[in-house]
Amino acid sequence: MANNINNRLLEKISAVNEIINSPDAGEPSYSFKLRYCADTVAQTKQIGYCTIACGALILTRSMLRNASYQTAGLIFAFVAIFYAIYCMVYASKIEKTEIAEVSGDSIIVKGRTYSYSEISEISGAAFNGLRIMSNGTKVASLNKACDGCGDLVKWAKQHNIPVNDSNTGNLQSIQKRNSVIVAVMIIAALVIGFLMAFLKRM
């Protein structure tokens, strides 16, 4: 299930990248809302569930009388549980959050209405993000997997608003980049574990 959710999110990101790269993006809907998609909420909750399970396991192991690295284990456990709680609260928050609403030539963000002429660009951000900019000031930020993101790019192109994003790979390149990131994280975790074991023997 987790893999299916991740694949759907990557497909959404890839579809938005195709719109960014396309010289003829097509017409956007007249009005639409930008909000976090259900898959993003579900994935965030899954991260929280997995993290709290790991934290509980480490905590239980660390509380044994003869446990190795008892202090370090307790610290890791409480950090993991705290992060899990953060994930659950964040998921609940974004599930109810409306990032922006576009209607005709205007975009509404947090109750303020901006004409298309006030939006200077849509710029790329880290982790497949986009920023809506108004003369150097960030109006809103969103992920390419958000509902309505494709329509936002079409709307920007329709009004000749620059879309400046260098991170516009296809599905295969996104999957490859994510695999590299996961591999680096696993290697980093193994190195940390090795160092802890080495220091214990000194």
N, C-alpha and C. Protein backbone atom coordinates (compact mmCIF):
# COMPACT_ATOMS: atom_id res chain seq x y z
N MET A 1 0.84 -1.22 0.00
CA MET A 1 0.00 0.00 0.00
C MET A 1 0.87 1.26 0.00
N ALA A 2 1.91 1.25 0.86
CA ALA A 2 2.80 2.42 0.93
C ALA A 2 3.46 2.68 -0.41
N ASN A 3 3.86 1.58 -1.08
CA ASN A 3 4.51 1.72 -2.38
C ASN A 3 3.54 2.28 -3.42
N ASN A 4 2.27 1.86 -3.36
CA ASN A 4 1.25 2.38 -4.28
C ASN A 4 1.05 3.87 -4.09
N ILE A 5 1.00 4.30 -2.83
CA ILE A 5 0.83 5.72 -2.53
C ILE A 5 2.01 6.51 -3.08
N ASN A 6 3.22 6.01 -2.84
CA ASN A 6 4.42 6.70 -3.32
C ASN A 6 4.43 6.79 -4.84
N ASN A 7 4.03 5.71 -5.51
CA ASN A 7 4.00 5.71 -6.98
C ASN A 7 2.99 6.73 -7.52
N ARG A 8 1.84 6.82 -6.85
CA ARG A 8 0.82 7.79 -7.30
C ARG A 8 1.33 9.22 -7.12
N LEU A 9 2.04 9.48 -6.03
CA LEU A 9 2.59 10.81 -5.80
C LEU A 9 3.65 11.15 -6.86
N LEU A 10 4.49 10.18 -7.17
CA LEU A 10 5.52 10.40 -8.20
C LEU A 10 4.90 10.65 -9.56
N GLU A 11 3.81 9.94 -9.85
CA GLU A 11 3.11 10.14 -11.13
C GLU A 11 2.52 11.55 -11.22
N LYS A 12 1.99 12.05 -10.09
CA LYS A 12 1.45 13.42 -10.07
C LYS A 12 2.56 14.44 -10.31
N ILE A 13 3.69 14.23 -9.65
CA ILE A 13 4.82 15.14 -9.82
C ILE A 13 5.31 15.12 -11.26
N SER A 14 5.42 13.92 -11.83
CA SER A 14 5.86 13.78 -13.22
C SER A 14 4.90 14.47 -14.19
N ALA A 15 3.59 14.37 -13.92
CA ALA A 15 2.59 15.00 -14.78
C ALA A 15 2.73 16.52 -14.76
N VAL A 16 3.00 17.08 -13.57
CA VAL A 16 3.20 18.54 -13.47
C VAL A 16 4.48 18.94 -14.21
N ASN A 17 5.52 18.13 -14.09
CA ASN A 17 6.77 18.42 -14.81
C ASN A 17 6.55 18.45 -16.32
N GLU A 18 5.71 17.55 -16.81
CA GLU A 18 5.40 17.52 -18.24
C GLU A 18 4.70 18.81 -18.67
N ILE A 19 3.80 19.31 -17.81
CA ILE A 19 3.11 20.56 -18.12
C ILE A 19 4.10 21.72 -18.14
N ILE A 20 5.04 21.73 -17.17
CA ILE A 20 6.05 22.79 -17.12
C ILE A 20 6.90 22.78 -18.39
N ASN A 21 7.26 21.59 -18.84
CA ASN A 21 8.14 21.47 -20.01
C ASN A 21 7.41 21.65 -21.34
N SER A 22 6.08 21.54 -21.32
CA SER A 22 5.32 21.58 -22.57
C SER A 22 5.17 23.01 -23.09
N PRO A 23 5.42 23.22 -24.38
CA PRO A 23 5.21 24.56 -24.96
C PRO A 23 3.72 24.89 -25.10
N ASP A 24 2.88 23.86 -25.10
CA ASP A 24 1.43 24.06 -25.20
C ASP A 24 0.78 23.31 -24.04
N ALA A 25 0.72 23.98 -22.89
CA ALA A 25 0.24 23.33 -21.66
C ALA A 25 -1.26 23.13 -21.64
N GLY A 26 -2.00 23.88 -22.46
CA GLY A 26 -3.45 23.77 -22.46
C GLY A 26 -4.10 24.78 -21.53
N GLU A 27 -5.43 24.75 -21.51
CA GLU A 27 -6.20 25.71 -20.72
C GLU A 27 -6.43 25.17 -19.30
N PRO A 28 -6.27 26.03 -18.29
CA PRO A 28 -6.59 25.60 -16.92
C PRO A 28 -8.10 25.68 -16.68
N SER A 29 -8.53 25.07 -15.61
CA SER A 29 -9.92 25.25 -15.20
C SER A 29 -10.12 26.72 -14.82
N TYR A 30 -11.36 27.23 -14.98
CA TYR A 30 -11.61 28.65 -14.68
C TYR A 30 -11.37 28.92 -13.19
N SER A 31 -11.81 28.00 -12.36
CA SER A 31 -11.57 28.14 -10.92
C SER A 31 -11.16 26.78 -10.35
N PHE A 32 -10.22 26.81 -9.44
CA PHE A 32 -9.74 25.58 -8.80
C PHE A 32 -9.05 25.92 -7.49
N LYS A 33 -8.91 24.91 -6.65
CA LYS A 33 -8.26 25.09 -5.36
C LYS A 33 -6.96 24.31 -5.32
N LEU A 34 -5.99 24.87 -4.61
CA LEU A 34 -4.72 24.20 -4.37
C LEU A 34 -4.74 23.67 -2.94
N ARG A 35 -4.61 22.36 -2.81
CA ARG A 35 -4.61 21.76 -1.49
C ARG A 35 -3.80 20.47 -1.51
N TYR A 36 -3.38 20.04 -0.34
CA TYR A 36 -2.61 18.80 -0.24
C TYR A 36 -3.50 17.62 -0.60
N CYS A 37 -2.95 16.72 -1.41
CA CYS A 37 -3.76 15.58 -1.86
C CYS A 37 -3.85 14.53 -0.75
N ALA A 38 -4.85 13.66 -0.89
CA ALA A 38 -5.09 12.62 0.11
C ALA A 38 -3.90 11.69 0.27
N ASP A 39 -3.18 11.44 -0.83
CA ASP A 39 -2.02 10.54 -0.76
C ASP A 39 -0.89 11.14 0.07
N THR A 40 -0.71 12.46 0.00
CA THR A 40 0.32 13.12 0.82
C THR A 40 -0.02 12.99 2.29
N VAL A 41 -1.29 13.19 2.63
CA VAL A 41 -1.74 13.05 4.01
C VAL A 41 -1.53 11.61 4.49
N ALA A 42 -1.92 10.65 3.65
CA ALA A 42 -1.78 9.23 4.01
C ALA A 42 -0.32 8.85 4.20
N GLN A 43 0.55 9.34 3.32
CA GLN A 43 1.97 9.01 3.43
C GLN A 43 2.58 9.60 4.70
N THR A 44 2.19 10.82 5.04
CA THR A 44 2.69 11.46 6.26
C THR A 44 2.25 10.68 7.49
N LYS A 45 1.01 10.21 7.50
CA LYS A 45 0.53 9.40 8.62
C LYS A 45 1.28 8.08 8.71
N GLN A 46 1.56 7.47 7.56
CA GLN A 46 2.31 6.21 7.55
C GLN A 46 3.70 6.38 8.14
N ILE A 47 4.34 7.50 7.79
CA ILE A 47 5.66 7.79 8.36
C ILE A 47 5.56 7.90 9.88
N GLY A 48 4.49 8.56 10.34
CA GLY A 48 4.27 8.69 11.78
C GLY A 48 4.06 7.35 12.45
N TYR A 49 3.24 6.48 11.86
CA TYR A 49 2.99 5.15 12.43
C TYR A 49 4.28 4.34 12.50
N CYS A 50 5.06 4.34 11.42
CA CYS A 50 6.31 3.56 11.38
C CYS A 50 7.31 4.09 12.41
N THR A 51 7.39 5.42 12.51
CA THR A 51 8.35 6.02 13.43
C THR A 51 7.98 5.74 14.88
N ILE A 52 6.70 5.81 15.21
CA ILE A 52 6.30 5.56 16.59
C ILE A 52 6.48 4.08 16.95
N ALA A 53 6.30 3.20 15.97
CA ALA A 53 6.54 1.77 16.21
C ALA A 53 8.02 1.52 16.48
N CYS A 54 8.89 2.14 15.68
CA CYS A 54 10.33 2.00 15.89
C CYS A 54 10.75 2.59 17.23
N GLY A 55 10.18 3.76 17.55
CA GLY A 55 10.50 4.40 18.81
C GLY A 55 10.08 3.56 20.00
N ALA A 56 8.90 2.97 19.93
CA ALA A 56 8.41 2.12 21.01
C ALA A 56 9.28 0.88 21.17
N LEU A 57 9.72 0.31 20.04
CA LEU A 57 10.59 -0.87 20.08
C LEU A 57 11.93 -0.55 20.72
N ILE A 58 12.52 0.59 20.32
CA ILE A 58 13.81 1.00 20.89
C ILE A 58 13.66 1.31 22.37
N LEU A 59 12.55 1.96 22.73
CA LEU A 59 12.30 2.30 24.14
C LEU A 59 12.19 1.04 24.99
N THR A 60 11.43 0.06 24.50
CA THR A 60 11.28 -1.21 25.23
C THR A 60 12.62 -1.90 25.39
N ARG A 61 13.40 -1.93 24.32
CA ARG A 61 14.72 -2.58 24.36
C ARG A 61 15.66 -1.84 25.31
N SER A 62 15.59 -0.53 25.35
CA SER A 62 16.50 0.26 26.17
C SER A 62 16.19 0.16 27.66
N MET A 63 14.95 -0.21 27.99
CA MET A 63 14.56 -0.28 29.39
C MET A 63 14.93 -1.61 30.04
N LEU A 64 15.44 -2.54 29.24
CA LEU A 64 15.91 -3.80 29.82
C LEU A 64 17.15 -3.54 30.67
N ARG A 65 17.31 -4.30 31.73
CA ARG A 65 18.37 -4.03 32.70
C ARG A 65 19.76 -4.10 32.07
N ASN A 66 19.99 -5.08 31.23
CA ASN A 66 21.33 -5.28 30.66
C ASN A 66 21.45 -4.75 29.24
N ALA A 67 20.60 -3.83 28.86
CA ALA A 67 20.61 -3.32 27.49
C ALA A 67 21.87 -2.50 27.21
N SER A 68 22.42 -2.70 26.01
CA SER A 68 23.57 -1.89 25.58
C SER A 68 23.06 -0.53 25.10
N TYR A 69 23.90 0.48 25.24
CA TYR A 69 23.54 1.83 24.79
C TYR A 69 22.20 2.29 25.38
N GLN A 70 22.00 2.05 26.68
CA GLN A 70 20.70 2.36 27.28
C GLN A 70 20.35 3.84 27.15
N THR A 71 21.30 4.72 27.48
CA THR A 71 21.03 6.16 27.41
C THR A 71 20.77 6.61 25.98
N ALA A 72 21.64 6.16 25.07
CA ALA A 72 21.47 6.53 23.66
C ALA A 72 20.14 6.00 23.12
N GLY A 73 19.80 4.78 23.53
CA GLY A 73 18.54 4.18 23.08
C GLY A 73 17.34 4.98 23.54
N LEU A 74 17.37 5.42 24.80
CA LEU A 74 16.27 6.23 25.32
C LEU A 74 16.15 7.55 24.57
N ILE A 75 17.29 8.16 24.27
CA ILE A 75 17.27 9.43 23.54
C ILE A 75 16.68 9.23 22.15
N PHE A 76 17.16 8.20 21.44
CA PHE A 76 16.64 7.91 20.10
C PHE A 76 15.15 7.61 20.14
N ALA A 77 14.73 6.86 21.17
CA ALA A 77 13.32 6.48 21.28
C ALA A 77 12.44 7.71 21.46
N PHE A 78 12.83 8.60 22.36
CA PHE A 78 12.01 9.78 22.62
C PHE A 78 12.01 10.74 21.42
N VAL A 79 13.15 10.83 20.72
CA VAL A 79 13.20 11.65 19.50
C VAL A 79 12.26 11.07 18.45
N ALA A 80 12.29 9.73 18.30
CA ALA A 80 11.43 9.07 17.31
C ALA A 80 9.95 9.27 17.64
N ILE A 81 9.61 9.13 18.91
CA ILE A 81 8.21 9.29 19.32
C ILE A 81 7.76 10.74 19.13
N PHE A 82 8.64 11.69 19.47
CA PHE A 82 8.32 13.10 19.27
C PHE A 82 8.08 13.39 17.79
N TYR A 83 8.95 12.84 16.92
CA TYR A 83 8.81 13.06 15.49
C TYR A 83 7.53 12.43 14.96
N ALA A 84 7.19 11.26 15.50
CA ALA A 84 5.95 10.59 15.09
C ALA A 84 4.73 11.43 15.43
N ILE A 85 4.74 12.00 16.63
CA ILE A 85 3.63 12.87 17.04
C ILE A 85 3.55 14.09 16.12
N TYR A 86 4.71 14.65 15.79
CA TYR A 86 4.76 15.79 14.87
C TYR A 86 4.14 15.42 13.52
N CYS A 87 4.49 14.24 13.00
CA CYS A 87 3.95 13.79 11.71
C CYS A 87 2.43 13.69 11.75
N MET A 88 1.90 13.14 12.84
CA MET A 88 0.45 12.96 12.95
C MET A 88 -0.26 14.32 13.03
N VAL A 89 0.31 15.24 13.82
CA VAL A 89 -0.28 16.58 13.94
C VAL A 89 -0.20 17.31 12.60
N TYR A 90 0.95 17.19 11.93
CA TYR A 90 1.14 17.85 10.63
C TYR A 90 0.17 17.29 9.59
N ALA A 91 -0.01 15.97 9.59
CA ALA A 91 -0.94 15.34 8.64
C ALA A 91 -2.36 15.84 8.87
N SER A 92 -2.74 15.95 10.14
CA SER A 92 -4.08 16.44 10.46
C SER A 92 -4.26 17.90 10.02
N LYS A 93 -3.18 18.68 10.14
CA LYS A 93 -3.24 20.10 9.76
C LYS A 93 -3.37 20.26 8.25
N ILE A 94 -2.51 19.58 7.48
CA ILE A 94 -2.52 19.77 6.03
C ILE A 94 -3.78 19.18 5.39
N GLU A 95 -4.38 18.20 6.07
CA GLU A 95 -5.61 17.61 5.54
C GLU A 95 -6.72 18.65 5.45
N LYS A 96 -6.68 19.64 6.33
CA LYS A 96 -7.72 20.67 6.38
C LYS A 96 -7.28 21.99 5.73
N THR A 97 -6.04 22.03 5.25
CA THR A 97 -5.47 23.29 4.75
C THR A 97 -5.77 23.51 3.28
N GLU A 98 -6.26 24.70 2.97
CA GLU A 98 -6.42 25.13 1.58
C GLU A 98 -5.30 26.13 1.31
N ILE A 99 -4.39 25.78 0.42
CA ILE A 99 -3.22 26.62 0.16
C ILE A 99 -3.62 27.90 -0.56
N ALA A 100 -4.41 27.76 -1.60
CA ALA A 100 -4.84 28.93 -2.39
C ALA A 100 -6.04 28.55 -3.24
N GLU A 101 -6.69 29.56 -3.78
CA GLU A 101 -7.82 29.34 -4.70
C GLU A 101 -7.66 30.29 -5.88
N VAL A 102 -7.78 29.74 -7.07
CA VAL A 102 -7.69 30.53 -8.29
C VAL A 102 -9.08 30.69 -8.88
N SER A 103 -9.41 31.91 -9.24
CA SER A 103 -10.70 32.18 -9.88
C SER A 103 -10.47 33.20 -10.99
N GLY A 104 -10.56 32.75 -12.22
CA GLY A 104 -10.34 33.64 -13.36
C GLY A 104 -8.92 34.18 -13.40
N ASP A 105 -8.79 35.50 -13.32
CA ASP A 105 -7.48 36.15 -13.40
C ASP A 105 -6.85 36.39 -12.03
N SER A 106 -7.48 35.91 -10.98
CA SER A 106 -7.00 36.20 -9.62
C SER A 106 -6.69 34.92 -8.85
N ILE A 107 -5.82 35.08 -7.85
CA ILE A 107 -5.50 33.98 -6.95
C ILE A 107 -5.65 34.49 -5.52
N ILE A 108 -6.33 33.72 -4.70
CA ILE A 108 -6.60 34.11 -3.32
C ILE A 108 -5.75 33.25 -2.39
N VAL A 109 -4.95 33.90 -1.54
CA VAL A 109 -4.09 33.21 -0.59
C VAL A 109 -4.30 33.81 0.79
N LYS A 110 -4.75 33.00 1.74
CA LYS A 110 -4.98 33.45 3.12
C LYS A 110 -5.85 34.70 3.17
N GLY A 111 -6.89 34.71 2.35
CA GLY A 111 -7.85 35.81 2.38
C GLY A 111 -7.47 37.01 1.54
N ARG A 112 -6.25 37.05 1.02
CA ARG A 112 -5.83 38.19 0.19
C ARG A 112 -5.91 37.79 -1.28
N THR A 113 -6.44 38.69 -2.09
CA THR A 113 -6.59 38.44 -3.52
C THR A 113 -5.47 39.13 -4.30
N TYR A 114 -4.81 38.34 -5.14
CA TYR A 114 -3.75 38.86 -6.02
C TYR A 114 -4.21 38.75 -7.46
N SER A 115 -4.05 39.82 -8.22
CA SER A 115 -4.27 39.75 -9.66
C SER A 115 -3.10 39.00 -10.28
N TYR A 116 -3.33 38.40 -11.45
CA TYR A 116 -2.25 37.69 -12.12
C TYR A 116 -1.05 38.59 -12.37
N SER A 117 -1.30 39.90 -12.56
CA SER A 117 -0.21 40.84 -12.83
C SER A 117 0.67 41.06 -11.60
N GLU A 118 0.18 40.70 -10.42
CA GLU A 118 0.98 40.84 -9.20
C GLU A 118 1.87 39.63 -8.95
N ILE A 119 1.63 38.55 -9.67
CA ILE A 119 2.44 37.35 -9.52
C ILE A 119 3.60 37.43 -10.50
N SER A 120 4.82 37.52 -9.98
CA SER A 120 5.99 37.73 -10.84
C SER A 120 6.55 36.43 -11.41
N GLU A 121 6.42 35.33 -10.68
CA GLU A 121 6.91 34.05 -11.19
C GLU A 121 6.43 32.89 -10.31
N ILE A 122 6.52 31.70 -10.89
CA ILE A 122 6.38 30.46 -10.13
C ILE A 122 7.77 29.84 -10.15
N SER A 123 8.40 29.72 -8.99
CA SER A 123 9.79 29.24 -8.96
C SER A 123 9.87 27.87 -8.30
N GLY A 124 10.88 27.11 -8.72
CA GLY A 124 11.09 25.78 -8.16
C GLY A 124 11.69 25.86 -6.77
N ALA A 125 11.42 24.83 -5.98
CA ALA A 125 11.98 24.74 -4.63
C ALA A 125 12.45 23.30 -4.40
N ALA A 126 13.07 23.06 -3.27
CA ALA A 126 13.59 21.73 -2.96
C ALA A 126 12.46 20.72 -2.79
N PHE A 127 12.80 19.45 -2.97
CA PHE A 127 11.87 18.34 -2.76
C PHE A 127 10.58 18.49 -3.57
N ASN A 128 10.74 18.79 -4.86
CA ASN A 128 9.61 18.89 -5.78
C ASN A 128 8.60 19.96 -5.37
N GLY A 129 9.11 21.04 -4.84
CA GLY A 129 8.23 22.12 -4.42
C GLY A 129 8.17 23.26 -5.44
N LEU A 130 7.14 24.08 -5.31
CA LEU A 130 7.00 25.29 -6.11
C LEU A 130 6.65 26.44 -5.19
N ARG A 131 7.11 27.64 -5.54
CA ARG A 131 6.78 28.84 -4.78
C ARG A 131 6.07 29.84 -5.68
N ILE A 132 4.99 30.39 -5.20
CA ILE A 132 4.29 31.46 -5.91
C ILE A 132 4.87 32.78 -5.40
N MET A 133 5.49 33.54 -6.31
CA MET A 133 6.22 34.74 -5.92
C MET A 133 5.53 36.01 -6.43
N SER A 134 5.62 37.06 -5.62
CA SER A 134 5.11 38.37 -6.01
C SER A 134 6.20 39.40 -5.76
N ASN A 135 6.91 39.76 -6.82
CA ASN A 135 7.99 40.75 -6.74
C ASN A 135 9.01 40.42 -5.65
N GLY A 136 9.47 39.18 -5.66
CA GLY A 136 10.50 38.75 -4.72
C GLY A 136 9.99 38.23 -3.40
N THR A 137 8.70 38.35 -3.14
CA THR A 137 8.12 37.87 -1.89
C THR A 137 7.33 36.59 -2.13
N LYS A 138 7.56 35.60 -1.28
CA LYS A 138 6.83 34.35 -1.42
C LYS A 138 5.39 34.52 -0.95
N VAL A 139 4.46 34.24 -1.84
CA VAL A 139 3.04 34.32 -1.51
C VAL A 139 2.55 33.00 -0.92
N ALA A 140 2.99 31.91 -1.53
CA ALA A 140 2.59 30.57 -1.06
C ALA A 140 3.58 29.55 -1.59
N SER A 141 3.66 28.42 -0.92
CA SER A 141 4.49 27.32 -1.40
C SER A 141 3.65 26.05 -1.41
N LEU A 142 3.97 25.16 -2.32
CA LEU A 142 3.22 23.92 -2.45
C LEU A 142 4.11 22.87 -3.08
N ASN A 143 3.67 21.63 -2.98
CA ASN A 143 4.36 20.52 -3.62
C ASN A 143 3.69 20.21 -4.95
N LYS A 144 4.45 19.69 -5.90
CA LYS A 144 3.89 19.37 -7.21
C LYS A 144 2.83 18.27 -7.14
N ALA A 145 2.80 17.52 -6.04
CA ALA A 145 1.79 16.48 -5.89
C ALA A 145 0.46 17.04 -5.38
N CYS A 146 0.43 18.34 -5.04
CA CYS A 146 -0.81 18.94 -4.53
C CYS A 146 -1.90 18.95 -5.59
N ASP A 147 -3.13 18.80 -5.15
CA ASP A 147 -4.27 18.92 -6.05
C ASP A 147 -4.31 20.33 -6.63
N GLY A 148 -4.46 20.43 -7.94
CA GLY A 148 -4.55 21.73 -8.59
C GLY A 148 -3.23 22.30 -9.06
N CYS A 149 -2.12 21.62 -8.77
CA CYS A 149 -0.81 22.17 -9.14
C CYS A 149 -0.64 22.26 -10.66
N GLY A 150 -1.12 21.25 -11.38
CA GLY A 150 -1.04 21.29 -12.84
C GLY A 150 -1.82 22.46 -13.41
N ASP A 151 -3.02 22.70 -12.86
CA ASP A 151 -3.82 23.84 -13.31
C ASP A 151 -3.12 25.16 -12.98
N LEU A 152 -2.41 25.21 -11.85
CA LEU A 152 -1.68 26.43 -11.49
C LEU A 152 -0.62 26.76 -12.54
N VAL A 153 0.12 25.74 -12.97
CA VAL A 153 1.15 25.96 -13.99
C VAL A 153 0.52 26.41 -15.31
N LYS A 154 -0.60 25.78 -15.68
CA LYS A 154 -1.32 26.19 -16.90
C LYS A 154 -1.80 27.64 -16.78
N TRP A 155 -2.32 27.99 -15.61
CA TRP A 155 -2.81 29.35 -15.35
C TRP A 155 -1.66 30.36 -15.49
N ALA A 156 -0.50 30.01 -14.92
CA ALA A 156 0.66 30.90 -15.01
C ALA A 156 1.08 31.09 -16.46
N LYS A 157 1.14 30.00 -17.21
CA LYS A 157 1.54 30.10 -18.62
C LYS A 157 0.53 30.88 -19.44
N GLN A 158 -0.75 30.71 -19.11
CA GLN A 158 -1.80 31.45 -19.82
C GLN A 158 -1.63 32.95 -19.66
N HIS A 159 -1.13 33.37 -18.49
CA HIS A 159 -0.96 34.79 -18.21
C HIS A 159 0.50 35.24 -18.36
N ASN A 160 1.30 34.41 -19.05
CA ASN A 160 2.71 34.74 -19.32
C ASN A 160 3.51 35.00 -18.05
N ILE A 161 3.17 34.27 -17.00
CA ILE A 161 3.95 34.32 -15.76
C ILE A 161 5.07 33.28 -15.87
N PRO A 162 6.33 33.67 -15.70
CA PRO A 162 7.43 32.71 -15.84
C PRO A 162 7.33 31.57 -14.83
N VAL A 163 7.59 30.36 -15.31
CA VAL A 163 7.67 29.19 -14.43
C VAL A 163 9.12 28.73 -14.47
N ASN A 164 9.88 29.06 -13.44
CA ASN A 164 11.32 28.79 -13.40
C ASN A 164 11.61 27.63 -12.46
N ASP A 165 11.77 26.47 -13.04
CA ASP A 165 12.04 25.27 -12.24
C ASP A 165 12.96 24.35 -13.04
N SER A 166 14.13 24.07 -12.49
CA SER A 166 15.09 23.21 -13.19
C SER A 166 14.90 21.74 -12.85
N ASN A 167 14.04 21.46 -11.87
CA ASN A 167 13.83 20.08 -11.42
C ASN A 167 12.57 19.53 -12.08
N THR A 168 12.66 19.25 -13.37
CA THR A 168 11.46 18.85 -14.12
C THR A 168 11.68 17.53 -14.86
N GLY A 169 12.24 16.56 -14.18
CA GLY A 169 12.51 15.26 -14.80
C GLY A 169 11.25 14.44 -14.99
N ASN A 170 11.36 13.38 -15.78
CA ASN A 170 10.23 12.47 -15.98
C ASN A 170 10.14 11.49 -14.82
N LEU A 171 9.17 10.58 -14.90
CA LEU A 171 8.91 9.65 -13.80
C LEU A 171 10.14 8.81 -13.48
N GLN A 172 10.83 8.32 -14.52
CA GLN A 172 11.99 7.46 -14.31
C GLN A 172 13.12 8.20 -13.59
N SER A 173 13.36 9.44 -14.00
CA SER A 173 14.45 10.20 -13.37
C SER A 173 14.11 10.56 -11.92
N ILE A 174 12.83 10.82 -11.64
CA ILE A 174 12.41 11.11 -10.27
C ILE A 174 12.61 9.87 -9.40
N GLN A 175 12.20 8.71 -9.91
CA GLN A 175 12.36 7.46 -9.16
C GLN A 175 13.84 7.17 -8.91
N LYS A 176 14.68 7.42 -9.91
CA LYS A 176 16.11 7.18 -9.76
C LYS A 176 16.70 8.09 -8.69
N ARG A 177 16.32 9.37 -8.72
CA ARG A 177 16.84 10.32 -7.73
C ARG A 177 16.40 9.92 -6.33
N ASN A 178 15.14 9.52 -6.18
CA ASN A 178 14.65 9.10 -4.87
C ASN A 178 15.37 7.86 -4.37
N SER A 179 15.68 6.94 -5.29
CA SER A 179 16.42 5.72 -4.91
C SER A 179 17.81 6.07 -4.40
N VAL A 180 18.45 7.05 -5.05
CA VAL A 180 19.77 7.49 -4.60
C VAL A 180 19.69 8.10 -3.21
N ILE A 181 18.67 8.92 -2.97
CA ILE A 181 18.49 9.55 -1.65
C ILE A 181 18.30 8.49 -0.57
N VAL A 182 17.45 7.49 -0.85
CA VAL A 182 17.20 6.41 0.11
C VAL A 182 18.49 5.64 0.37
N ALA A 183 19.25 5.35 -0.68
CA ALA A 183 20.51 4.61 -0.53
C ALA A 183 21.50 5.38 0.35
N VAL A 184 21.58 6.69 0.14
CA VAL A 184 22.48 7.53 0.94
C VAL A 184 22.05 7.51 2.41
N MET A 185 20.75 7.58 2.66
CA MET A 185 20.24 7.55 4.04
C MET A 185 20.55 6.22 4.71
N ILE A 186 20.39 5.12 3.97
CA ILE A 186 20.68 3.79 4.54
C ILE A 186 22.17 3.67 4.87
N ILE A 187 23.02 4.12 3.94
CA ILE A 187 24.47 4.07 4.18
C ILE A 187 24.85 4.92 5.39
N ALA A 188 24.23 6.11 5.51
CA ALA A 188 24.50 6.98 6.66
C ALA A 188 24.10 6.30 7.96
N ALA A 189 22.94 5.62 7.96
CA ALA A 189 22.48 4.91 9.16
C ALA A 189 23.44 3.78 9.53
N LEU A 190 23.93 3.06 8.52
CA LEU A 190 24.88 1.97 8.77
C LEU A 190 26.20 2.50 9.33
N VAL A 191 26.66 3.62 8.79
CA VAL A 191 27.90 4.23 9.27
C VAL A 191 27.76 4.66 10.73
N ILE A 192 26.62 5.28 11.06
CA ILE A 192 26.37 5.70 12.45
C ILE A 192 26.36 4.49 13.37
N GLY A 193 25.68 3.42 12.94
CA GLY A 193 25.64 2.19 13.74
C GLY A 193 27.02 1.60 13.94
N PHE A 194 27.83 1.61 12.89
CA PHE A 194 29.20 1.09 12.98
C PHE A 194 30.03 1.92 13.95
N LEU A 195 29.90 3.25 13.87
CA LEU A 195 30.66 4.12 14.76
C LEU A 195 30.26 3.92 16.21
N MET A 196 28.97 3.73 16.47
CA MET A 196 28.52 3.49 17.84
C MET A 196 29.10 2.19 18.38
N ALA A 197 29.10 1.14 17.54
CA ALA A 197 29.66 -0.15 17.96
C ALA A 197 31.16 -0.03 18.20
N PHE A 198 31.85 0.73 17.34
CA PHE A 198 33.30 0.91 17.47
C PHE A 198 33.64 1.66 18.75
N LEU A 199 32.88 2.74 19.03
CA LEU A 199 33.14 3.54 20.23
C LEU A 199 32.85 2.75 21.50
N LYS A 200 31.88 1.83 21.43
CA LYS A 200 31.54 1.02 22.60
C LYS A 200 32.70 0.11 23.00
N ARG A 201 33.46 -0.34 22.01
CA ARG A 201 34.56 -1.27 22.29
C ARG A 201 35.84 -0.56 22.74
N MET A 202 35.87 0.76 22.56
CA MET A 202 37.09 1.50 22.94
C MET A 202 37.19 1.66 24.46
